[in-house]
């Protein structure tokens, strides 16, 4: 696992821990995090579509993959916590 993916997974786990500890509206907080992750992924896809230099293409692929993994992870966690329907 790359450092960036590890950092994003740690962030997601910390987020989930904060939900459990605060007792805030779990569903609203998780939905917001999922929406933000979705927007990050969409932005990463858009960025990929707009670059052509080899170094930037490589970065765009990496960033897009990381954003996708974060989004998928949050969806999985929300389903496991029964905050979303399957």
N, C-alpha and C. Protein backbone atom coordinates (compact mmCIF):
# COMPACT_ATOMS: atom_id res chain seq x y z
N UNK A 1 0.86 -1.18 0.00
CA UNK A 1 0.00 0.00 0.00
C UNK A 1 0.90 1.23 0.00
N UNK A 2 0.59 2.22 -0.83
CA UNK A 2 1.40 3.42 -0.90
C UNK A 2 1.13 4.32 0.30
N UNK A 3 2.06 5.25 0.52
CA UNK A 3 1.91 6.17 1.66
C UNK A 3 0.63 6.98 1.57
N UNK A 4 0.30 7.46 0.37
CA UNK A 4 -0.90 8.29 0.22
C UNK A 4 -2.16 7.49 0.51
N UNK A 5 -2.22 6.25 0.01
CA UNK A 5 -3.39 5.42 0.30
C UNK A 5 -3.47 5.11 1.78
N UNK A 6 -2.32 4.86 2.40
CA UNK A 6 -2.30 4.60 3.83
C UNK A 6 -2.79 5.81 4.60
N UNK A 7 -2.35 7.00 4.21
CA UNK A 7 -2.80 8.24 4.87
C UNK A 7 -4.31 8.41 4.72
N UNK A 8 -4.84 8.13 3.54
CA UNK A 8 -6.28 8.28 3.33
C UNK A 8 -7.05 7.25 4.14
N UNK A 9 -6.52 6.04 4.26
CA UNK A 9 -7.20 5.02 5.06
C UNK A 9 -7.17 5.41 6.54
N UNK A 10 -6.03 5.94 7.00
CA UNK A 10 -5.94 6.39 8.39
C UNK A 10 -6.93 7.52 8.63
N UNK A 11 -7.02 8.46 7.70
CA UNK A 11 -7.99 9.56 7.81
C UNK A 11 -9.40 9.01 7.94
N UNK A 12 -9.73 8.06 7.07
CA UNK A 12 -11.09 7.50 7.09
C UNK A 12 -11.36 6.80 8.41
N UNK A 13 -10.39 6.06 8.92
CA UNK A 13 -10.58 5.37 10.20
C UNK A 13 -10.73 6.38 11.34
N UNK A 14 -9.93 7.44 11.32
CA UNK A 14 -10.05 8.48 12.34
C UNK A 14 -11.41 9.15 12.27
N UNK A 15 -11.89 9.38 11.07
CA UNK A 15 -13.21 9.97 10.89
C UNK A 15 -14.28 9.07 11.51
N UNK A 16 -14.20 7.78 11.22
CA UNK A 16 -15.19 6.86 11.76
C UNK A 16 -15.10 6.79 13.28
N UNK A 17 -13.89 6.83 13.82
CA UNK A 17 -13.74 6.85 15.28
C UNK A 17 -14.37 8.09 15.88
N UNK A 18 -14.22 9.23 15.20
CA UNK A 18 -14.80 10.47 15.72
C UNK A 18 -16.33 10.39 15.72
N UNK A 19 -16.90 9.74 14.72
CA UNK A 19 -18.35 9.56 14.69
C UNK A 19 -18.79 8.76 15.90
N UNK A 20 -18.09 7.69 16.16
CA UNK A 20 -18.47 6.81 17.27
C UNK A 20 -18.35 7.52 18.61
N UNK A 21 -17.34 8.37 18.78
CA UNK A 21 -17.08 9.03 20.06
C UNK A 21 -18.01 10.22 20.31
N UNK A 22 -18.31 10.99 19.30
CA UNK A 22 -19.07 12.23 19.50
C UNK A 22 -20.56 12.00 19.65
N UNK A 23 -21.06 10.94 19.06
CA UNK A 23 -22.49 10.69 19.12
C UNK A 23 -23.27 11.67 18.26
N UNK A 24 -22.58 12.43 17.41
CA UNK A 24 -23.27 13.36 16.52
C UNK A 24 -24.13 12.55 15.56
N UNK A 25 -24.85 13.25 14.75
CA UNK A 25 -25.72 12.56 13.81
C UNK A 25 -24.85 11.79 12.81
N UNK A 26 -24.72 10.53 13.09
CA UNK A 26 -23.84 9.66 12.31
C UNK A 26 -24.18 9.66 10.83
N UNK A 27 -25.44 9.56 10.54
CA UNK A 27 -25.86 9.46 9.14
C UNK A 27 -25.50 10.73 8.37
N UNK A 28 -25.81 11.88 8.94
CA UNK A 28 -25.51 13.15 8.26
C UNK A 28 -24.01 13.34 8.07
N UNK A 29 -23.25 13.03 9.11
CA UNK A 29 -21.80 13.21 9.03
C UNK A 29 -21.19 12.26 8.00
N UNK A 30 -21.65 11.03 7.98
CA UNK A 30 -21.13 10.07 7.01
C UNK A 30 -21.53 10.44 5.60
N UNK A 31 -22.77 10.86 5.41
CA UNK A 31 -23.22 11.27 4.08
C UNK A 31 -22.38 12.44 3.58
N UNK A 32 -22.09 13.38 4.46
CA UNK A 32 -21.27 14.53 4.07
C UNK A 32 -19.87 14.07 3.66
N UNK A 33 -19.27 13.17 4.43
CA UNK A 33 -17.93 12.68 4.11
C UNK A 33 -17.94 11.92 2.78
N UNK A 34 -18.98 11.15 2.54
CA UNK A 34 -19.07 10.40 1.28
C UNK A 34 -19.23 11.37 0.11
N UNK A 35 -20.06 12.39 0.28
CA UNK A 35 -20.23 13.39 -0.79
C UNK A 35 -18.92 14.11 -1.08
N UNK A 36 -18.19 14.48 -0.04
CA UNK A 36 -16.90 15.14 -0.23
C UNK A 36 -15.91 14.22 -0.95
N UNK A 37 -15.90 12.96 -0.56
CA UNK A 37 -15.01 12.00 -1.22
C UNK A 37 -15.40 11.82 -2.68
N UNK A 38 -16.70 11.81 -2.94
CA UNK A 38 -17.17 11.69 -4.33
C UNK A 38 -16.71 12.90 -5.15
N UNK A 39 -16.81 14.09 -4.58
CA UNK A 39 -16.38 15.30 -5.29
C UNK A 39 -14.87 15.27 -5.53
N UNK A 40 -14.11 14.79 -4.55
CA UNK A 40 -12.65 14.65 -4.73
C UNK A 40 -12.36 13.73 -5.90
N UNK A 41 -13.09 12.62 -5.97
CA UNK A 41 -12.88 11.66 -7.04
C UNK A 41 -13.25 12.27 -8.39
N UNK A 42 -14.39 12.96 -8.44
CA UNK A 42 -14.81 13.61 -9.69
C UNK A 42 -13.80 14.67 -10.13
N UNK A 43 -13.28 15.43 -9.17
CA UNK A 43 -12.27 16.43 -9.50
C UNK A 43 -11.01 15.75 -10.04
N UNK A 44 -10.61 14.66 -9.40
CA UNK A 44 -9.42 13.93 -9.84
C UNK A 44 -9.62 13.39 -11.26
N UNK A 45 -10.82 12.92 -11.57
CA UNK A 45 -11.12 12.44 -12.92
C UNK A 45 -11.04 13.59 -13.92
N UNK A 46 -11.60 14.73 -13.55
CA UNK A 46 -11.57 15.90 -14.41
C UNK A 46 -10.14 16.38 -14.65
N UNK A 47 -9.35 16.37 -13.59
CA UNK A 47 -7.95 16.77 -13.70
C UNK A 47 -7.21 15.84 -14.65
N UNK A 48 -7.44 14.54 -14.52
CA UNK A 48 -6.81 13.56 -15.40
C UNK A 48 -7.15 13.87 -16.86
N UNK A 49 -8.40 14.20 -17.12
CA UNK A 49 -8.84 14.50 -18.48
C UNK A 49 -8.20 15.76 -19.05
N UNK A 50 -7.69 16.61 -18.18
CA UNK A 50 -7.18 17.90 -18.65
C UNK A 50 -5.66 17.97 -18.79
N UNK A 51 -4.93 16.96 -18.35
CA UNK A 51 -3.46 17.03 -18.41
C UNK A 51 -2.92 16.19 -19.55
N UNK A 52 -1.71 16.59 -20.01
CA UNK A 52 -1.09 15.82 -21.09
C UNK A 52 0.41 15.57 -20.87
N UNK A 53 1.02 16.33 -19.97
CA UNK A 53 2.45 16.11 -19.70
C UNK A 53 2.63 14.82 -18.91
N UNK A 54 3.62 14.01 -19.28
CA UNK A 54 3.79 12.69 -18.64
C UNK A 54 3.85 12.73 -17.11
N UNK A 55 4.55 13.70 -16.54
CA UNK A 55 4.64 13.76 -15.07
C UNK A 55 3.28 14.06 -14.45
N UNK A 56 2.52 14.91 -15.10
CA UNK A 56 1.20 15.25 -14.58
C UNK A 56 0.20 14.13 -14.79
N UNK A 57 0.33 13.40 -15.88
CA UNK A 57 -0.55 12.26 -16.12
C UNK A 57 -0.32 11.22 -15.03
N UNK A 58 0.93 10.96 -14.72
CA UNK A 58 1.25 9.99 -13.66
C UNK A 58 0.65 10.43 -12.32
N UNK A 59 0.81 11.71 -12.00
CA UNK A 59 0.23 12.24 -10.77
C UNK A 59 -1.29 12.13 -10.79
N UNK A 60 -1.89 12.47 -11.93
CA UNK A 60 -3.35 12.44 -12.06
C UNK A 60 -3.89 11.02 -11.85
N UNK A 61 -3.20 10.03 -12.40
CA UNK A 61 -3.62 8.64 -12.22
C UNK A 61 -3.54 8.27 -10.75
N UNK A 62 -2.44 8.63 -10.12
CA UNK A 62 -2.24 8.32 -8.71
C UNK A 62 -3.32 8.98 -7.85
N UNK A 63 -3.56 10.25 -8.11
CA UNK A 63 -4.55 11.01 -7.35
C UNK A 63 -5.97 10.46 -7.56
N UNK A 64 -6.27 10.11 -8.79
CA UNK A 64 -7.59 9.56 -9.11
C UNK A 64 -7.81 8.23 -8.40
N UNK A 65 -6.80 7.39 -8.41
CA UNK A 65 -6.90 6.08 -7.75
C UNK A 65 -7.08 6.26 -6.24
N UNK A 66 -6.32 7.16 -5.64
CA UNK A 66 -6.43 7.40 -4.20
C UNK A 66 -7.82 7.92 -3.84
N UNK A 67 -8.34 8.85 -4.62
CA UNK A 67 -9.67 9.41 -4.36
C UNK A 67 -10.74 8.34 -4.50
N UNK A 68 -10.61 7.48 -5.49
CA UNK A 68 -11.57 6.40 -5.69
C UNK A 68 -11.55 5.45 -4.50
N UNK A 69 -10.35 5.09 -4.04
CA UNK A 69 -10.23 4.16 -2.91
C UNK A 69 -10.85 4.76 -1.65
N UNK A 70 -10.64 6.05 -1.43
CA UNK A 70 -11.22 6.70 -0.26
C UNK A 70 -12.74 6.65 -0.32
N UNK A 71 -13.30 6.97 -1.47
CA UNK A 71 -14.75 6.95 -1.66
C UNK A 71 -15.31 5.55 -1.43
N UNK A 72 -14.68 4.56 -2.03
CA UNK A 72 -15.14 3.18 -1.88
C UNK A 72 -15.02 2.72 -0.43
N UNK A 73 -13.95 3.12 0.24
CA UNK A 73 -13.76 2.75 1.64
C UNK A 73 -14.87 3.33 2.51
N UNK A 74 -15.18 4.61 2.33
CA UNK A 74 -16.23 5.23 3.13
C UNK A 74 -17.59 4.60 2.86
N UNK A 75 -17.87 4.26 1.61
CA UNK A 75 -19.13 3.57 1.30
C UNK A 75 -19.20 2.23 2.01
N UNK A 76 -18.11 1.47 1.95
CA UNK A 76 -18.07 0.17 2.63
C UNK A 76 -18.29 0.32 4.13
N UNK A 77 -17.62 1.29 4.73
CA UNK A 77 -17.75 1.50 6.16
C UNK A 77 -19.16 1.94 6.53
N UNK A 78 -19.75 2.79 5.72
CA UNK A 78 -21.12 3.24 5.99
C UNK A 78 -22.09 2.07 5.93
N UNK A 79 -21.88 1.18 4.98
CA UNK A 79 -22.75 0.00 4.89
C UNK A 79 -22.55 -0.92 6.09
N UNK A 80 -21.30 -1.11 6.49
CA UNK A 80 -21.01 -1.96 7.65
C UNK A 80 -21.62 -1.39 8.93
N UNK A 81 -21.63 -0.06 9.04
CA UNK A 81 -22.22 0.59 10.20
C UNK A 81 -23.73 0.75 10.05
N UNK A 82 -24.24 0.26 8.94
CA UNK A 82 -25.67 0.32 8.63
C UNK A 82 -26.17 1.76 8.54
N UNK A 83 -25.30 2.63 8.01
CA UNK A 83 -25.68 4.02 7.78
C UNK A 83 -26.17 4.23 6.36
N UNK A 84 -25.95 3.25 5.51
CA UNK A 84 -26.43 3.28 4.13
C UNK A 84 -27.06 1.94 3.81
N UNK A 85 -27.97 1.97 2.87
CA UNK A 85 -28.54 0.72 2.38
C UNK A 85 -27.56 0.06 1.43
N UNK A 86 -27.61 -1.25 1.35
CA UNK A 86 -26.71 -1.97 0.44
C UNK A 86 -27.23 -1.83 -0.93
